Amino acid sequence: MATYDGLFDTLGLRAWCDKGADNAPMSMADLLAKAKGGSDAGSSLWDTPFPSLDALHNACQAIPQSRALTRGLEAGFLDIRDALRVVIDPLTQPLSWALNDMLWVMTQTPWWIIMPALLVITWFVTRSWRIIGLVAVILALLAFVDHYNAAMETLAIIFVCAFVCVIIGVPIGIAMSRSDRLQRTVIPILDMLQTLPPFVYLIPLIFLFSVTEPKLYGIAIILYAIVPVVRLTDLGIRLVDRDVIEAADAFGMTSRQKLFGVQIPLALPNIMAGVNQTIMMSLAMVVIASLVSAPGLGVLVLRGIRNLELGVGLIAGFGIVVLAIALDRVTKASLARIDASQASR
């Protein structure tokens, strides 16, 4: 006798429960419970299980088990998968092209072109010889331990995904700052994206795309890393001094002129802080995305875990750390330049 048999008998639902009984094979848990000979009948109040689906199913066969819920969710997703692919495939195909092209450029171009180009970009962004020296040492160190190609693959993925995050995230943040209703709608979505475990991003994408498609890991990285730039863009524009906005109104500025001439320049430090966090989160997700064929240093970390190769995993992990340091210092130096230029005005 199950724990909640008496409840359904008291409510007069026994006939309905018996109609729901089926001849489907019992699960291992059901077989074990049956082998115990109904020991639940004499259980104490202390051992009474919560009235979950499985507990209620033991007393009433008409109530589905929790595994029926998970199977139904999976079946429903598989039913709409083809329709989703018809819509999502064309929209996300440019991401695959961008990732493939950037990976080709970063890995096929000789090192004596790529490394100086990265240093020139660093100088353009930071105007700091100290940061350039740090980046040069880090790139030379990665090349010295034969991790140059893996590091370039990781940088290629980060460049593309972070760029897409900024292109999509900044307009969303601007729209949120201009509409309280939109902000209330988007904030729960951002909360979900920020708290969802990284591995969960990969589950529906594996069913939608082939493992050989770069957009599989690209979409996962973008969904995981886009939150900071959206939040901080919205926050930065909302924190613009009201007196400055009133002064812009007094000069007869239109909404577009206020946005691009006043609000975005004053919010730029917050936006750049969001870009910094987005780059860091992209780098963190690249390692997890190696589980679904994302190339780069994450593959070497995964190899160290799978094959118990301690040295391989540690050196690749160290490479990710120094890349993170370089990217963090470059973006923070850029942020410091923006702050200094605004303070001098």
C-alpha atoms as a PDB file:
ATOM      1  CA  MET A   1       0.000   0.000   0.000  1.00  0.00           C
ATOM      2  CA  ALA A   2       1.383   3.420  -1.010  1.00  0.00           C
ATOM      3  CA  THR A   3       1.519   6.370   1.340  1.00  0.00           C
ATOM      4  CA  TYR A   4      -1.250   8.383  -0.301  1.00  0.00           C
ATOM      5  CA  ASP A   5      -3.701   5.528  -1.037  1.00  0.00           C
ATOM      6  CA  GLY A   6      -5.941   6.663   1.799  1.00  0.00           C
ATOM      7  CA  LEU A   7      -6.123  10.185   0.400  1.00  0.00           C
ATOM      8  CA  PHE A   8      -7.499   9.062  -2.964  1.00  0.00           C
ATOM      9  CA  ASP A   9      -9.862   6.568  -1.269  1.00  0.00           C
ATOM     10  CA  THR A  10     -11.229   9.325   0.968  1.00  0.00           C
ATOM     11  CA  LEU A  11     -11.777  11.631  -2.002  1.00  0.00           C
ATOM     12  CA  GLY A  12     -13.582   8.855  -3.877  1.00  0.00           C
ATOM     13  CA  LEU A  13     -11.089   8.841  -6.720  1.00  0.00           C
ATOM     14  CA  ARG A  14     -10.101   5.190  -6.545  1.00  0.00           C
ATOM     15  CA  ALA A  15     -12.061   4.240  -9.686  1.00  0.00           C
ATOM     16  CA  TRP A  16     -10.429   7.087 -11.625  1.00  0.00           C
ATOM     17  CA  CYS A  17      -7.018   6.058 -10.380  1.00  0.00           C
ATOM     18  CA  ASP A  18      -7.538   2.436 -11.378  1.00  0.00           C
ATOM     19  CA  LYS A  19      -8.634   3.498 -14.874  1.00  0.00           C
ATOM     20  CA  GLY A  20      -5.326   5.274 -15.243  1.00  0.00           C
ATOM     21  CA  ALA A  21      -3.350   2.098 -14.637  1.00  0.00           C
ATOM     22  CA  ASP A  22      -1.409   0.937 -17.654  1.00  0.00           C
ATOM     23  CA  ASN A  23       0.607  -2.071 -18.622  1.00  0.00           C
ATOM     24  CA  ALA A  24       3.786  -0.203 -19.373  1.00  0.00           C
ATOM     25  CA  PRO A  25       7.012  -1.734 -18.082  1.00  0.00           C
ATOM     26  CA  MET A  26       7.807  -0.668 -14.539  1.00  0.00           C
ATOM     27  CA  SER A  27      10.896   1.352 -13.792  1.00  0.00           C
ATOM     28  CA  MET A  28      13.639   0.025 -11.543  1.00  0.00           C
ATOM     29  CA  ALA A  29      12.327   2.208  -8.693  1.00  0.00           C
ATOM     30  CA  ASP A  30       8.849   0.697  -9.116  1.00  0.00           C
ATOM     31  CA  LEU A  31      10.259  -2.830  -9.105  1.00  0.00           C
ATOM     32  CA  LEU A  32      12.240  -2.150  -5.930  1.00  0.00           C
ATOM     33  CA  ALA A  33       9.191  -0.633  -4.246  1.00  0.00           C
ATOM     34  CA  LYS A  34       7.125  -3.670  -5.216  1.00  0.00           C
ATOM     35  CA  ALA A  35       9.808  -6.000  -3.903  1.00  0.00           C
ATOM     36  CA  LYS A  36       9.611  -4.290  -0.506  1.00  0.00           C
ATOM     37  CA  GLY A  37       6.069  -5.542  -0.199  1.00  0.00           C
ATOM     38  CA  GLY A  38       4.413  -2.209   0.509  1.00  0.00           C
ATOM     39  CA  SER A  39       6.557  -1.254   3.436  1.00  0.00           C
ATOM     40  CA  ASP A  40       5.286   2.308   3.115  1.00  0.00           C
ATOM     41  CA  ALA A  41       2.082   1.297   4.845  1.00  0.00           C
ATOM     42  CA  GLY A  42       3.724   1.149   8.221  1.00  0.00           C
ATOM     43  CA  SER A  43       5.986   4.121   7.762  1.00  0.00           C
ATOM     44  CA  SER A  44       5.926   6.874  10.341  1.00  0.00           C
ATOM     45  CA  LEU A  45       4.982  10.487   9.825  1.00  0.00           C
ATOM     46  CA  TRP A  46       8.681  11.291   9.918  1.00  0.00           C
ATOM     47  CA  ASP A  47       9.251   9.228   6.748  1.00  0.00           C
ATOM     48  CA  THR A  48       6.243  10.527   4.827  1.00  0.00           C
ATOM     49  CA  PRO A  49       7.416  11.621   1.358  1.00  0.00           C
ATOM     50  CA  PHE A  50       6.471  14.931  -0.188  1.00  0.00           C
ATOM     51  CA  PRO A  51       3.406  14.538  -2.457  1.00  0.00           C
ATOM     52  CA  SER A  52       5.482  14.668  -5.632  1.00  0.00           C
ATOM     53  CA  LEU A  53       4.417  13.215  -8.958  1.00  0.00           C
ATOM     54  CA  ASP A  54       6.193   9.925  -8.306  1.00  0.00           C
ATOM     55  CA  ALA A  55       4.790   9.593  -4.781  1.00  0.00           C
ATOM     56  CA  LEU A  56       1.259  10.309  -5.973  1.00  0.00           C
ATOM     57  CA  HIS A  57       1.704   7.962  -8.941  1.00  0.00           C
ATOM     58  CA  ASN A  58       2.451   5.114  -6.548  1.00  0.00           C
ATOM     59  CA  ALA A  59      -1.000   5.627  -5.060  1.00  0.00           C
ATOM     60  CA  CYS A  60      -2.854   6.646  -8.217  1.00  0.00           C
ATOM     61  CA  GLN A  61      -1.775   5.292 -11.605  1.00  0.00           C
ATOM     62  CA  ALA A  62      -3.717   8.050 -13.405  1.00  0.00           C
ATOM     63  CA  ILE A  63      -1.219  10.646 -12.229  1.00  0.00           C
ATOM     64  CA  PRO A  64       1.845  10.685 -14.494  1.00  0.00           C
ATOM     65  CA  GLN A  65       5.361  10.180 -13.200  1.00  0.00           C
ATOM     66  CA  SER A  66       7.993  12.896 -13.324  1.00  0.00           C
ATOM     67  CA  ARG A  67       9.784  11.030 -16.125  1.00  0.00           C
ATOM     68  CA  ALA A  68       6.662  11.553 -18.262  1.00  0.00           C
ATOM     69  CA  LEU A  69       7.150  15.293 -17.822  1.00  0.00           C
ATOM     70  CA  THR A  70      10.785  15.190 -18.936  1.00  0.00           C
ATOM     71  CA  ARG A  71       9.989  12.879 -21.835  1.00  0.00           C
ATOM     72  CA  GLY A  72       7.108  15.125 -22.896  1.00  0.00           C
ATOM     73  CA  LEU A  73       9.389  18.160 -22.843  1.00  0.00           C
ATOM     74  CA  GLU A  74      11.958  16.348 -24.962  1.00  0.00           C
ATOM     75  CA  ALA A  75       9.335  15.096 -27.407  1.00  0.00           C
ATOM     76  CA  GLY A  76       7.841  18.580 -27.722  1.00  0.00           C
ATOM     77  CA  PHE A  77      11.243  20.107 -28.463  1.00  0.00           C
ATOM     78  CA  LEU A  78      12.000  17.439 -31.073  1.00  0.00           C
ATOM     79  CA  ASP A  79       8.618  18.070 -32.699  1.00  0.00           C
ATOM     80  CA  ILE A  80       9.360  21.760 -33.253  1.00  0.00           C
ATOM     81  CA  ARG A  81      13.075  21.312 -33.974  1.00  0.00           C
ATOM     82  CA  ASP A  82      12.733  21.242 -37.758  1.00  0.00           C
ATOM     83  CA  ALA A  83      10.546  24.357 -37.746  1.00  0.00           C
ATOM     84  CA  LEU A  84      13.033  26.138 -35.488  1.00  0.00           C
ATOM     85  CA  ARG A  85      15.933  25.235 -37.748  1.00  0.00           C
ATOM     86  CA  VAL A  86      14.136  26.697 -40.768  1.00  0.00           C
ATOM     87  CA  VAL A  87      14.029  30.048 -38.951  1.00  0.00           C
ATOM     88  CA  ILE A  88      17.265  29.962 -36.925  1.00  0.00           C
ATOM     89  CA  ASP A  89      19.648  28.478 -39.516  1.00  0.00           C
ATOM     90  CA  PRO A  90      19.565  31.419 -41.968  1.00  0.00           C
ATOM     91  CA  LEU A  91      19.811  33.942 -39.110  1.00  0.00           C
ATOM     92  CA  THR A  92      22.823  32.284 -37.503  1.00  0.00           C
ATOM     93  CA  GLN A  93      24.696  31.185 -40.617  1.00  0.00           C
ATOM     94  CA  PRO A  94      26.643  34.499 -40.818  1.00  0.00           C
ATOM     95  CA  LEU A  95      28.030  33.679 -37.353  1.00  0.00           C
ATOM     96  CA  SER A  96      29.469  30.424 -38.697  1.00  0.00           C
ATOM     97  CA  TRP A  97      30.994  32.253 -41.652  1.00  0.00           C
ATOM     98  CA  ALA A  98      32.511  34.921 -39.390  1.00  0.00           C
ATOM     99  CA  LEU A  99      33.992  32.325 -37.030  1.00  0.00           C
ATOM    100  CA  ASN A 100      35.401  30.238 -39.868  1.00  0.00           C
ATOM    101  CA  ASP A 101      36.913  33.281 -41.579  1.00  0.00           C
ATOM    102  CA  MET A 102      38.430  34.683 -38.389  1.00  0.00           C
ATOM    103  CA  LEU A 103      39.860  31.292 -37.441  1.00  0.00           C
ATOM    104  CA  TRP A 104      41.407  31.019 -40.917  1.00  0.00           C
ATOM    105  CA  VAL A 105      42.918  34.502 -40.719  1.00  0.00           C
ATOM    106  CA  MET A 106      44.342  34.046 -37.217  1.00  0.00           C
ATOM    107  CA  THR A 107      45.826  30.606 -37.874  1.00  0.00           C
ATOM    108  CA  GLN A 108      46.911  30.797 -41.518  1.00  0.00           C
ATOM    109  CA  THR A 109      48.510  34.237 -41.443  1.00  0.00           C
ATOM    110  CA  PRO A 110      52.202  34.012 -40.491  1.00  0.00           C
ATOM    111  CA  TRP A 111      53.076  34.835 -36.908  1.00  0.00           C
ATOM    112  CA  TRP A 112      55.355  37.668 -37.981  1.00  0.00           C
ATOM    113  CA  ILE A 113      52.287  39.449 -39.368  1.00  0.00           C
ATOM    114  CA  ILE A 114      49.677  38.562 -36.737  1.00  0.00           C
ATOM    115  CA  MET A 115      51.774  39.407 -33.669  1.00  0.00           C
ATOM    116  CA  PRO A 116      52.812  42.903 -34.849  1.00  0.00           C
ATOM    117  CA  ALA A 117      49.207  43.529 -35.957  1.00  0.00           C
ATOM    118  CA  LEU A 118      47.945  42.670 -32.475  1.00  0.00           C
ATOM    119  CA  LEU A 119      50.550  44.979 -30.946  1.00  0.00           C
ATOM    120  CA  VAL A 120      49.503  47.810 -33.279  1.00  0.00           C
ATOM    121  CA  ILE A 121      45.864  47.314 -32.261  1.00  0.00           C
ATOM    122  CA  THR A 122      46.932  47.349 -28.627  1.00  0.00           C
ATOM    123  CA  TRP A 123      48.804  50.639 -29.140  1.00  0.00           C
ATOM    124  CA  PHE A 124      45.811  52.164 -30.943  1.00  0.00           C
ATOM    125  CA  VAL A 125      43.498  51.210 -28.067  1.00  0.00           C
ATOM    126  CA  THR A 126      45.708  51.878 -25.046  1.00  0.00           C
ATOM    127  CA  ARG A 127      48.575  54.189 -26.143  1.00  0.00           C
ATOM    128  CA  SER A 128      50.627  52.520 -23.415  1.00  0.00           C
ATOM    129  CA  TRP A 129      54.074  51.032 -24.041  1.00  0.00           C
ATOM    130  CA  ARG A 130      53.795  49.056 -20.809  1.00  0.00           C
ATOM    131  CA  ILE A 131      50.627  47.285 -21.996  1.00  0.00           C
ATOM    132  CA  ILE A 132      52.220  46.634 -25.381  1.00  0.00           C
ATOM    133  CA  GLY A 133      55.234  45.077 -23.663  1.00  0.00           C
ATOM    134  CA  LEU A 134      52.940  42.885 -21.536  1.00  0.00           C
ATOM    135  CA  VAL A 135      50.990  41.679 -24.593  1.00  0.00           C
ATOM    136  CA  ALA A 136      54.227  41.006 -26.500  1.00  0.00           C
ATOM    137  CA  VAL A 137      55.656  38.943 -23.639  1.00  0.00           C
ATOM    138  CA  ILE A 138      52.433  36.925 -23.297  1.00  0.00           C
ATOM    139  CA  LEU A 139      52.229  36.176 -27.043  1.00  0.00           C
ATOM    140  CA  ALA A 140      55.912  35.234 -27.161  1.00  0.00           C
ATOM    141  CA  LEU A 141      55.494  32.975 -24.123  1.00  0.00           C
ATOM    142  CA  LEU A 142      52.525  31.151 -25.668  1.00  0.00           C
ATOM    143  CA  ALA A 143      54.427  30.712 -28.931  1.00  0.00           C
ATOM    144  CA  PHE A 144      57.510  29.505 -27.072  1.00  0.00           C
ATOM    145  CA  VAL A 145      55.571  26.597 -25.509  1.00  0.00           C
ATOM    146  CA  ASP A 146      54.009  25.705 -28.904  1.00  0.00           C
ATOM    147  CA  HIS A 147      50.561  26.983 -27.933  1.00  0.00           C
ATOM    148  CA  TYR A 148      50.535  29.753 -30.517  1.00  0.00           C
ATOM    149  CA  ASN A 149      47.914  28.209 -32.855  1.00  0.00           C
ATOM    150  CA  ALA A 150      45.612  27.268 -29.977  1.00  0.00           C
ATOM    151  CA  ALA A 151      45.926  30.776 -28.530  1.00  0.00           C
ATOM    152  CA  MET A 152      45.120  32.356 -31.897  1.00  0.00           C
ATOM    153  CA  GLU A 153      42.041  30.130 -32.241  1.00  0.00           C
ATOM    154  CA  THR A 154      40.873  31.204 -28.806  1.00  0.00           C
ATOM    155  CA  LEU A 155      41.439  34.878 -29.637  1.00  0.00           C
ATOM    156  CA  ALA A 156      39.592  34.493 -32.946  1.00  0.00           C
ATOM    157  CA  ILE A 157      36.519  33.081 -31.202  1.00  0.00           C
ATOM    158  CA  ILE A 158      36.621  35.799 -28.538  1.00  0.00           C
ATOM    159  CA  PHE A 159      36.995  38.592 -31.106  1.00  0.00           C
ATOM    160  CA  VAL A 160      33.970  37.427 -33.104  1.00  0.00           C
ATOM    161  CA  CYS A 161      31.705  36.579 -30.159  1.00  0.00           C
ATOM    162  CA  ALA A 162      32.566  39.713 -28.167  1.00  0.00           C
ATOM    163  CA  PHE A 163      31.986  41.854 -31.274  1.00  0.00           C
ATOM    164  CA  VAL A 164      28.563  40.255 -31.816  1.00  0.00           C
ATOM    165  CA  CYS A 165      27.736  40.762 -28.118  1.00  0.00           C
ATOM    166  CA  VAL A 166      28.547  44.474 -28.416  1.00  0.00           C
ATOM    167  CA  ILE A 167      26.671  44.894 -31.710  1.00  0.00           C
ATOM    168  CA  ILE A 168      23.549  43.255 -30.252  1.00  0.00           C
ATOM    169  CA  GLY A 169      23.890  44.138 -26.569  1.00  0.00           C
ATOM    170  CA  VAL A 170      24.512  47.905 -26.776  1.00  0.00           C
ATOM    171  CA  PRO A 171      21.321  48.635 -28.796  1.00  0.00           C
ATOM    172  CA  ILE A 172      19.309  46.447 -26.409  1.00  0.00           C
ATOM    173  CA  GLY A 173      20.763  48.347 -23.437  1.00  0.00           C
ATOM    174  CA  ILE A 174      19.975  51.689 -25.100  1.00  0.00           C
ATOM    175  CA  ALA A 175      16.389  50.584 -25.796  1.00  0.00           C
ATOM    176  CA  MET A 176      16.035  49.429 -22.165  1.00  0.00           C
ATOM    177  CA  SER A 177      17.252  52.799 -20.880  1.00  0.00           C
ATOM    178  CA  ARG A 178      14.576  54.579 -22.910  1.00  0.00           C
ATOM    179  CA  SER A 179      11.657  52.340 -21.907  1.00  0.00           C
ATOM    180  CA  ASP A 180      10.861  51.211 -18.363  1.00  0.00           C
ATOM    181  CA  ARG A 181       8.405  48.644 -19.709  1.00  0.00           C
ATOM    182  CA  LEU A 182      11.056  47.068 -21.932  1.00  0.00           C
ATOM    183  CA  GLN A 183      13.507  47.060 -19.025  1.00  0.00           C
ATOM    184  CA  ARG A 184      11.011  45.194 -16.816  1.00  0.00           C
ATOM    185  CA  THR A 185      10.559  42.653 -19.633  1.00  0.00           C
ATOM    186  CA  VAL A 186      14.247  42.121 -20.423  1.00  0.00           C
ATOM    187  CA  ILE A 187      15.637  42.056 -16.865  1.00  0.00           C
ATOM    188  CA  PRO A 188      14.144  38.595 -16.023  1.00  0.00           C
ATOM    189  CA  ILE A 189      15.599  37.213 -19.276  1.00  0.00           C
ATOM    190  CA  LEU A 190      19.026  38.601 -18.379  1.00  0.00           C
ATOM    191  CA  ASP A 191      18.710  37.155 -14.869  1.00  0.00           C
ATOM    192  CA  MET A 192      17.959  33.742 -16.359  1.00  0.00           C
ATOM    193  CA  LEU A 193      20.898  33.939 -18.782  1.00  0.00           C
ATOM    194  CA  GLN A 194      23.233  35.049 -15.989  1.00  0.00           C
ATOM    195  CA  THR A 195      22.250  32.328 -13.503  1.00  0.00           C
ATOM    196  CA  LEU A 196      21.773  29.410 -15.900  1.00  0.00           C
ATOM    197  CA  PRO A 197      24.691  26.958 -15.591  1.00  0.00           C
ATOM    198  CA  PRO A 198      26.992  27.234 -18.620  1.00  0.00           C
ATOM    199  CA  PHE A 199      26.562  23.576 -19.578  1.00  0.00           C
ATOM    200  CA  VAL A 200      22.802  24.057 -19.895  1.00  0.00           C
ATOM    201  CA  TYR A 201      23.307  26.453 -22.820  1.00  0.00           C
ATOM    202  CA  LEU A 202      24.734  23.578 -24.832  1.00  0.00           C
ATOM    203  CA  ILE A 203      21.815  21.132 -24.375  1.00  0.00           C
ATOM    204  CA  PRO A 204      19.200  22.617 -26.775  1.00  0.00           C
ATOM    205  CA  LEU A 205      21.877  23.805 -29.201  1.00  0.00           C
ATOM    206  CA  ILE A 206      23.243  20.270 -29.614  1.00  0.00           C
ATOM    207  CA  PHE A 207      19.780  19.158 -30.770  1.00  0.00           C
ATOM    208  CA  LEU A 208      19.437  22.118 -33.149  1.00  0.00           C
ATOM    209  CA  PHE A 209      22.837  22.191 -34.846  1.00  0.00           C
ATOM    210  CA  SER A 210      25.505  19.783 -35.941  1.00  0.00           C
ATOM    211  CA  VAL A 211      28.582  19.562 -33.729  1.00  0.00           C
ATOM    212  CA  THR A 212      30.693  20.503 -36.764  1.00  0.00           C
ATOM    213  CA  GLU A 213      28.955  23.892 -37.128  1.00  0.00           C
ATOM    214  CA  PRO A 214      30.837  26.775 -35.445  1.00  0.00           C
ATOM    215  CA  LYS A 215      27.588  28.560 -34.641  1.00  0.00           C
ATOM    216  CA  LEU A 216      26.839  25.829 -32.098  1.00  0.00           C
ATOM    217  CA  TYR A 217      29.515  27.049 -29.708  1.00  0.00           C
ATOM    218  CA  GLY A 218      29.285  30.646 -30.978  1.00  0.00           C
ATOM    219  CA  ILE A 219      25.651  31.020 -29.910  1.00  0.00           C
ATOM    220  CA  ALA A 220      26.391  29.453 -26.521  1.00  0.00           C
ATOM    221  CA  ILE A 221      29.245  31.903 -25.900  1.00  0.00           C
ATOM    222  CA  ILE A 222      27.155  34.895 -26.996  1.00  0.00           C
ATOM    223  CA  LEU A 223      24.186  33.956 -24.801  1.00  0.00           C
ATOM    224  CA  TYR A 224      26.482  33.485 -21.824  1.00  0.00           C
ATOM    225  CA  ALA A 225      28.568  36.649 -22.316  1.00  0.00           C
ATOM    226  CA  ILE A 226      26.073  39.230 -23.575  1.00  0.00           C
ATOM    227  CA  VAL A 227      24.492  40.021 -20.206  1.00  0.00           C
ATOM    228  CA  PRO A 228      27.116  42.460 -18.777  1.00  0.00           C
ATOM    229  CA  VAL A 229      27.224  44.747 -21.807  1.00  0.00           C
ATOM    230  CA  VAL A 230      23.406  44.961 -21.893  1.00  0.00           C
ATOM    231  CA  ARG A 231      23.095  45.683 -18.169  1.00  0.00           C
ATOM    232  CA  LEU A 232      25.899  48.242 -17.996  1.00  0.00           C
ATOM    233  CA  THR A 233      24.778  50.062 -21.149  1.00  0.00           C
ATOM    234  CA  ASP A 234      21.315  50.460 -19.646  1.00  0.00           C
ATOM    235  CA  LEU A 235      22.778  51.523 -16.293  1.00  0.00           C
ATOM    236  CA  GLY A 236      25.275  53.956 -17.819  1.00  0.00           C
ATOM    237  CA  ILE A 237      22.666  55.840 -19.836  1.00  0.00           C
ATOM    238  CA  ARG A 238      20.264  55.977 -16.899  1.00  0.00           C
ATOM    239  CA  LEU A 239      23.014  57.440 -14.690  1.00  0.00           C
ATOM    240  CA  VAL A 240      23.600  60.422 -16.990  1.00  0.00           C
ATOM    241  CA  ASP A 241      22.996  63.584 -14.969  1.00  0.00           C
ATOM    242  CA  ARG A 242      19.485  64.958 -15.418  1.00  0.00           C
ATOM    243  CA  ASP A 243      20.859  68.504 -15.490  1.00  0.00           C
ATOM    244  CA  VAL A 244      22.896  67.628 -18.566  1.00  0.00           C
ATOM    245  CA  ILE A 245      19.787  66.233 -20.263  1.00  0.00           C
ATOM    246  CA  GLU A 246      17.848  69.379 -19.399  1.00  0.00           C
ATOM    247  CA  ALA A 247      20.653  71.505 -20.824  1.00  0.00           C
ATOM    248  CA  ALA A 248      20.530  69.466 -24.040  1.00  0.00           C
ATOM    249  CA  ASP A 249      16.769  70.005 -24.194  1.00  0.00           C
ATOM    250  CA  ALA A 250      17.301  73.728 -23.684  1.00  0.00           C
ATOM    251  CA  PHE A 251      19.612  73.778 -26.721  1.00  0.00           C
ATOM    252  CA  GLY A 252      16.856  72.131 -28.763  1.00  0.00           C
ATOM    253  CA  MET A 253      18.563  68.792 -29.321  1.00  0.00           C
ATOM    254  CA  THR A 254      16.487  65.988 -30.779  1.00  0.00           C
ATOM    255  CA  SER A 255      16.323  62.576 -29.078  1.00  0.00           C
ATOM    256  CA  ARG A 256      18.877  61.186 -31.544  1.00  0.00           C
ATOM    257  CA  GLN A 257      21.243  64.103 -30.960  1.00  0.00           C
ATOM    258  CA  LYS A 258      20.959  63.726 -27.191  1.00  0.00           C
ATOM    259  CA  LEU A 259      21.629  59.995 -27.440  1.00  0.00           C
ATOM    260  CA  PHE A 260      24.732  60.172 -29.630  1.00  0.00           C
ATOM    261  CA  GLY A 261      26.025  63.553 -28.527  1.00  0.00           C
ATOM    262  CA  VAL A 262      25.397  63.443 -24.778  1.00  0.00           C
ATOM    263  CA  GLN A 263      24.168  60.171 -23.294  1.00  0.00           C
ATOM    264  CA  ILE A 264      26.412  57.615 -25.025  1.00  0.00           C
ATOM    265  CA  PRO A 265      29.637  59.652 -24.560  1.00  0.00           C
ATOM    266  CA  LEU A 266      28.886  60.136 -20.849  1.00  0.00           C
ATOM    267  CA  ALA A 267      27.877  56.473 -20.472  1.00  0.00           C
ATOM    268  CA  LEU A 268      30.944  55.205 -22.346  1.00  0.00           C
ATOM    269  CA  PRO A 269      32.913  54.258 -19.180  1.00  0.00           C
ATOM    270  CA  ASN A 270      30.055  51.997 -18.079  1.00  0.00           C
ATOM    271  CA  ILE A 271      29.693  50.571 -21.563  1.00  0.00           C
ATOM    272  CA  MET A 272      33.412  49.806 -21.740  1.00  0.00           C
ATOM    273  CA  ALA A 273      33.214  48.142 -18.320  1.00  0.00           C
ATOM    274  CA  GLY A 274      30.458  45.943 -19.755  1.00  0.00           C
ATOM    275  CA  VAL A 275      32.629  45.125 -22.776  1.00  0.00           C
ATOM    276  CA  ASN A 276      35.458  44.150 -20.429  1.00  0.00           C
ATOM    277  CA  GLN A 277      33.218  41.753 -18.509  1.00  0.00           C
ATOM    278  CA  THR A 278      31.770  40.364 -21.730  1.00  0.00           C
ATOM    279  CA  ILE A 279      35.265  39.538 -23.013  1.00  0.00           C
ATOM    280  CA  MET A 280      36.166  37.831 -19.734  1.00  0.00           C
ATOM    281  CA  MET A 281      32.967  35.761 -19.776  1.00  0.00           C
ATOM    282  CA  SER A 282      33.552  34.833 -23.425  1.00  0.00           C
ATOM    283  CA  LEU A 283      36.978  33.521 -22.496  1.00  0.00           C
ATOM    284  CA  ALA A 284      35.509  31.487 -19.643  1.00  0.00           C
ATOM    285  CA  MET A 285      32.857  29.968 -21.911  1.00  0.00           C
ATOM    286  CA  VAL A 286      35.388  29.062 -24.615  1.00  0.00           C
ATOM    287  CA  VAL A 287      36.769  26.345 -22.329  1.00  0.00           C
ATOM    288  CA  ILE A 288      33.322  24.831 -21.760  1.00  0.00           C
ATOM    289  CA  ALA A 289      32.478  25.164 -25.456  1.00  0.00           C
ATOM    290  CA  SER A 290      35.427  22.896 -26.242  1.00  0.00           C
ATOM    291  CA  LEU A 291      33.070  20.056 -25.290  1.00  0.00           C
ATOM    292  CA  VAL A 292      31.190  20.776 -28.534  1.00  0.00           C
ATOM    293  CA  SER A 293      34.194  21.120 -30.841  1.00  0.00           C
ATOM    294  CA  ALA A 294      35.216  24.722 -30.109  1.00  0.00           C
ATOM    295  CA  PRO A 295      38.924  24.917 -30.988  1.00  0.00           C
ATOM    296  CA  GLY A 296      41.610  26.644 -28.979  1.00  0.00           C
ATOM    297  CA  LEU A 297      43.229  26.294 -25.590  1.00  0.00           C
ATOM    298  CA  GLY A 298      40.040  24.780 -24.155  1.00  0.00           C
ATOM    299  CA  VAL A 299      40.637  21.654 -26.232  1.00  0.00           C
ATOM    300  CA  LEU A 300      44.015  21.175 -24.531  1.00  0.00           C
ATOM    301  CA  VAL A 301      42.428  21.642 -21.103  1.00  0.00           C
ATOM    302  CA  LEU A 302      39.811  19.055 -22.002  1.00  0.00           C
ATOM    303  CA  ARG A 303      42.529  16.705 -23.250  1.00  0.00           C
ATOM    304  CA  GLY A 304      44.367  17.058 -19.943  1.00  0.00           C
ATOM    305  CA  ILE A 305      41.193  16.116 -18.059  1.00  0.00           C
ATOM    306  CA  ARG A 306      40.232  13.189 -20.287  1.00  0.00           C
ATOM    307  CA  ASN A 307      43.695  11.639 -20.549  1.00  0.00           C
ATOM    308  CA  LEU A 308      44.869  12.649 -17.064  1.00  0.00           C
ATOM    309  CA  GLU A 309      47.730  14.602 -18.633  1.00  0.00           C
ATOM    310  CA  LEU A 310      48.504  16.993 -15.804  1.00  0.00           C
ATOM    311  CA  GLY A 311      51.155  19.010 -17.634  1.00  0.00           C
ATOM    312  CA  VAL A 312      49.048  19.565 -20.754  1.00  0.00           C
ATOM    313  CA  GLY A 313      46.065  20.736 -18.742  1.00  0.00           C
ATOM    314  CA  LEU A 314      48.072  23.031 -16.485  1.00  0.00           C
ATOM    315  CA  ILE A 315      50.020  24.719 -19.296  1.00  0.00           C
ATOM    316  CA  ALA A 316      46.848  25.243 -21.357  1.00  0.00           C
ATOM    317  CA  GLY A 317      45.077  26.600 -18.283  1.00  0.00           C
ATOM    318  CA  PHE A 318      48.002  28.935 -17.655  1.00  0.00           C
ATOM    319  CA  GLY A 319      47.735  30.093 -21.280  1.00  0.00           C
ATOM    320  CA  ILE A 320      44.074  30.974 -20.751  1.00  0.00           C
ATOM    321  CA  VAL A 321      44.992  32.893 -17.600  1.00  0.00           C
ATOM    322  CA  VAL A 322      47.655  35.010 -19.309  1.00  0.00           C
ATOM    323  CA  LEU A 323      45.327  35.677 -22.256  1.00  0.00           C
ATOM    324  CA  ALA A 324      42.680  36.831 -19.793  1.00  0.00           C
ATOM    325  CA  ILE A 325      45.235  39.104 -18.120  1.00  0.00           C
ATOM    326  CA  ALA A 326      46.236  40.621 -21.460  1.00  0.00           C
ATOM    327  CA  LEU A 327      42.648  41.228 -22.583  1.00  0.00           C
ATOM    328  CA  ASP A 328      41.709  42.631 -19.176  1.00  0.00           C
ATOM    329  CA  ARG A 329      44.652  45.046 -19.118  1.00  0.00           C
ATOM    330  CA  VAL A 330      43.973  46.240 -22.672  1.00  0.00           C
ATOM    331  CA  THR A 331      40.278  46.935 -22.050  1.00  0.00           C
ATOM    332  CA  LYS A 332      40.956  48.584 -18.681  1.00  0.00           C
ATOM    333  CA  ALA A 333      43.642  50.804 -20.214  1.00  0.00           C
ATOM    334  CA  SER A 334      41.129  51.789 -22.897  1.00  0.00           C
ATOM    335  CA  LEU A 335      38.584  52.579 -20.159  1.00  0.00           C
ATOM    336  CA  ALA A 336      41.175  54.684 -18.318  1.00  0.00           C
ATOM    337  CA  ARG A 337      41.838  56.670 -21.509  1.00  0.00           C
ATOM    338  CA  ILE A 338      38.119  57.365 -21.875  1.00  0.00           C
ATOM    339  CA  ASP A 339      37.858  58.496 -18.253  1.00  0.00           C
ATOM    340  CA  ALA A 340      40.889  60.749 -18.653  1.00  0.00           C
ATOM    341  CA  SER A 341      39.563  62.330 -21.840  1.00  0.00           C
ATOM    342  CA  GLN A 342      36.210  63.052 -20.208  1.00  0.00           C
ATOM    343  CA  ALA A 343      37.868  64.509 -17.109  1.00  0.00           C
ATOM    344  CA  SER A 344      39.924  66.897 -19.250  1.00  0.00           C
ATOM    345  CA  ARG A 345      36.855  68.358 -20.931  1.00  0.00           C
END
